[in-house]
């Protein structure tokens, strides 16, 4: 057992040993439950969490970070859209936040948290897809070290999976020369 549940282990042990549960009434149980599982000032605790850095995304995927963030926000009672965007961006990985902030088109406004959430999810998904593609691509190739590449070898040869060969450039066609018109000079 872990967490707050370990505080109730003595009650369970006492019941197992004596056959009598130490909590004698529903009111006593309710009082014990409230004191053990509900913090005295839950809203202040969550506000303090959002004012700190413990809620930051870290290694989480954006979907997990967003779920956690939305729970915190609902517990704090924050409703101002600008504040929500600021807090969300503070915890978001800097590379994702930077990509959203510098989007040339359809950049979300600072007062539209839902647009920020959706943009972060799209960018995270695109990065995950790209990482999967890159790992598949590099796991199927065996590129020699750069110093061992012959000067005439194209890098394209080493960037494609072995089952795909680089395109062969077409051979230039030579112009067909006409035989021309015979002249008297040719007969001599």
Protein backbone atom coordinates (compact mmCIF):
# COMPACT_ATOMS: atom_id res chain seq x y z
CA UNK A 1 0.00 0.00 0.00
CA UNK A 2 1.15 3.50 -0.75
CA UNK A 3 0.09 7.10 -0.19
CA UNK A 4 -2.74 8.04 2.09
CA UNK A 5 -4.07 4.49 2.12
CA UNK A 6 -1.15 3.44 4.33
CA UNK A 7 -2.61 5.63 7.09
CA UNK A 8 -5.64 3.31 7.22
CA UNK A 9 -3.63 0.12 7.47
CA UNK A 10 -3.70 0.17 11.30
CA UNK A 11 -7.52 0.23 11.23
CA UNK A 12 -7.58 -2.82 8.96
CA UNK A 13 -4.99 -4.64 11.09
CA UNK A 14 -6.90 -3.88 14.26
CA UNK A 15 -10.09 -5.27 12.73
CA UNK A 16 -8.23 -8.40 11.60
CA UNK A 17 -6.71 -8.92 15.04
CA UNK A 18 -9.74 -8.15 17.20
CA UNK A 19 -12.69 -8.60 14.85
CA UNK A 20 -13.85 -5.07 15.70
CA UNK A 21 -13.49 -2.19 13.25
CA UNK A 22 -12.21 0.89 15.14
CA UNK A 23 -14.56 3.31 13.36
CA UNK A 24 -17.89 2.90 15.09
CA UNK A 25 -20.25 5.17 13.12
CA UNK A 26 -20.84 6.58 9.68
CA UNK A 27 -20.15 10.11 10.98
CA UNK A 28 -16.81 8.97 12.42
CA UNK A 29 -15.91 7.30 9.09
CA UNK A 30 -16.92 10.42 7.14
CA UNK A 31 -14.80 12.62 9.41
CA UNK A 32 -11.78 10.29 9.03
CA UNK A 33 -12.26 10.07 5.27
CA UNK A 34 -12.50 13.87 4.87
CA UNK A 35 -9.42 14.50 6.99
CA UNK A 36 -7.30 11.88 5.21
CA UNK A 37 -8.32 12.25 1.55
CA UNK A 38 -9.39 15.87 1.11
CA UNK A 39 -6.78 18.55 1.68
CA UNK A 40 -7.84 21.49 3.82
CA UNK A 41 -7.31 24.01 1.03
CA UNK A 42 -7.41 22.11 -2.27
CA UNK A 43 -7.87 25.24 -4.39
CA UNK A 44 -4.82 26.93 -2.86
CA UNK A 45 -2.79 23.76 -3.40
CA UNK A 46 -3.65 23.63 -7.11
CA UNK A 47 -3.03 27.36 -7.56
CA UNK A 48 0.40 26.86 -5.99
CA UNK A 49 1.02 23.97 -8.36
CA UNK A 50 0.21 26.17 -11.37
CA UNK A 51 2.45 28.91 -10.01
CA UNK A 52 5.33 26.46 -9.78
CA UNK A 53 6.93 24.23 -12.40
CA UNK A 54 5.93 20.74 -11.23
CA UNK A 55 3.06 20.59 -13.73
CA UNK A 56 5.31 21.19 -16.75
CA UNK A 57 5.14 18.76 -19.68
CA UNK A 58 8.59 17.25 -19.28
CA UNK A 59 8.71 13.93 -21.17
CA UNK A 60 4.94 13.55 -21.40
CA UNK A 61 3.12 13.55 -24.69
CA UNK A 62 1.01 16.67 -25.23
CA UNK A 63 -2.23 14.71 -24.72
CA UNK A 64 -1.15 13.59 -21.23
CA UNK A 65 0.13 17.06 -20.33
CA UNK A 66 -3.10 18.63 -21.57
CA UNK A 67 -5.26 16.23 -19.52
CA UNK A 68 -3.27 17.01 -16.38
CA UNK A 69 -3.31 20.74 -17.11
CA UNK A 70 -7.07 20.83 -17.65
CA UNK A 71 -7.67 19.04 -14.35
CA UNK A 72 -5.47 21.58 -12.55
CA UNK A 73 -7.24 24.47 -14.24
CA UNK A 74 -10.68 23.15 -13.31
CA UNK A 75 -9.53 22.74 -9.69
CA UNK A 76 -8.18 26.30 -9.52
CA UNK A 77 -11.21 27.93 -11.08
CA UNK A 78 -9.10 29.86 -13.59
CA UNK A 79 -11.34 30.96 -16.46
CA UNK A 80 -9.55 33.91 -18.05
CA UNK A 81 -8.51 32.75 -21.55
CA UNK A 82 -5.28 34.77 -21.56
CA UNK A 83 -4.22 33.31 -18.21
CA UNK A 84 -4.99 29.79 -19.46
CA UNK A 85 -2.85 30.32 -22.57
CA UNK A 86 0.04 31.77 -20.52
CA UNK A 87 -0.02 28.91 -18.00
CA UNK A 88 -0.36 26.28 -20.75
CA UNK A 89 2.56 27.76 -22.68
CA UNK A 90 4.74 27.98 -19.58
CA UNK A 91 4.45 24.24 -19.06
CA UNK A 92 4.66 23.24 -22.71
CA UNK A 93 7.97 22.01 -24.15
CA UNK A 94 9.79 25.04 -25.51
CA UNK A 95 10.21 23.61 -29.01
CA UNK A 96 6.46 23.00 -29.38
CA UNK A 97 5.58 26.38 -27.86
CA UNK A 98 8.06 28.05 -30.20
CA UNK A 99 6.61 26.36 -33.27
CA UNK A 100 3.12 27.52 -32.36
CA UNK A 101 4.26 31.07 -31.59
CA UNK A 102 6.01 31.34 -34.96
CA UNK A 103 3.38 29.69 -37.14
CA UNK A 104 3.13 31.73 -40.35
CA UNK A 105 -0.55 30.86 -40.85
CA UNK A 106 -3.42 30.13 -38.49
CA UNK A 107 -1.41 31.06 -35.40
CA UNK A 108 -3.72 30.89 -32.37
CA UNK A 109 -4.43 34.12 -30.55
CA UNK A 110 -3.32 34.60 -26.97
CA UNK A 111 -6.94 34.53 -25.84
CA UNK A 112 -7.93 31.24 -27.48
CA UNK A 113 -6.72 28.36 -25.29
CA UNK A 114 -8.58 25.70 -27.30
CA UNK A 115 -6.69 26.74 -30.44
CA UNK A 116 -3.40 26.49 -28.52
CA UNK A 117 -4.34 23.04 -27.21
CA UNK A 118 -5.21 21.83 -30.73
CA UNK A 119 -2.04 23.31 -32.28
CA UNK A 120 0.15 21.69 -29.61
CA UNK A 121 -1.51 18.33 -30.22
CA UNK A 122 -1.00 18.65 -34.01
CA UNK A 123 2.68 19.56 -33.63
CA UNK A 124 3.29 16.79 -31.09
CA UNK A 125 1.63 14.26 -33.40
CA UNK A 126 3.67 15.49 -36.37
CA UNK A 127 6.89 15.19 -34.35
CA UNK A 128 6.01 11.67 -33.23
CA UNK A 129 5.22 10.68 -36.80
CA UNK A 130 8.49 12.17 -38.02
CA UNK A 131 10.47 10.40 -35.29
CA UNK A 132 8.85 7.08 -36.24
CA UNK A 133 9.66 7.71 -39.91
CA UNK A 134 13.25 8.68 -39.14
CA UNK A 135 13.82 5.65 -36.91
CA UNK A 136 12.39 3.35 -39.60
CA UNK A 137 14.48 5.02 -42.27
CA UNK A 138 17.75 4.86 -40.37
CA UNK A 139 17.17 1.37 -39.02
CA UNK A 140 16.92 -0.01 -42.57
CA UNK A 141 20.04 1.66 -43.92
CA UNK A 142 23.66 0.97 -43.23
CA UNK A 143 25.50 4.15 -44.08
CA UNK A 144 29.27 3.96 -43.84
CA UNK A 145 31.10 6.66 -41.96
CA UNK A 146 31.50 9.87 -43.89
CA UNK A 147 35.25 9.54 -44.23
CA UNK A 148 34.86 6.22 -46.06
CA UNK A 149 32.48 7.49 -48.74
CA UNK A 150 34.03 7.52 -52.19
CA UNK A 151 34.02 11.02 -53.62
CA UNK A 152 31.91 9.97 -56.58
CA UNK A 153 29.23 8.24 -54.47
CA UNK A 154 25.98 10.13 -54.02
CA UNK A 155 24.70 10.57 -50.46
CA UNK A 156 21.28 9.66 -51.85
CA UNK A 157 22.52 6.08 -52.07
CA UNK A 158 22.91 5.95 -48.28
CA UNK A 159 19.71 7.81 -47.38
CA UNK A 160 17.34 5.41 -49.06
CA UNK A 161 16.39 2.01 -47.64
CA UNK A 162 18.26 -0.90 -49.24
CA UNK A 163 15.15 -2.08 -51.07
CA UNK A 164 14.96 1.23 -52.96
CA UNK A 165 17.74 2.13 -55.32
CA UNK A 166 18.48 5.72 -56.24
CA UNK A 167 17.03 6.91 -59.52
CA UNK A 168 19.23 6.38 -62.55
CA UNK A 169 19.54 9.55 -64.57
CA UNK A 170 18.46 9.15 -68.20
CA UNK A 171 21.18 8.91 -70.80
CA UNK A 172 21.42 11.99 -72.94
CA UNK A 173 20.33 11.32 -76.49
CA UNK A 174 22.74 12.34 -79.16
CA UNK A 175 21.35 14.43 -82.00
CA UNK A 176 20.89 12.55 -85.23
CA UNK A 177 22.97 14.17 -87.94
CA UNK A 178 21.62 14.23 -91.43
CA UNK A 179 23.79 12.86 -94.22
CA UNK A 180 23.68 16.19 -95.87
CA UNK A 181 23.72 16.98 -99.55
CA UNK A 182 26.49 15.41 -101.66
CA UNK A 183 28.78 17.92 -103.30
CA UNK A 184 31.29 17.73 -106.11
CA UNK A 185 34.10 18.05 -103.59
CA UNK A 186 33.08 14.69 -102.14
CA UNK A 187 33.73 12.91 -105.40
CA UNK A 188 37.38 13.79 -105.75
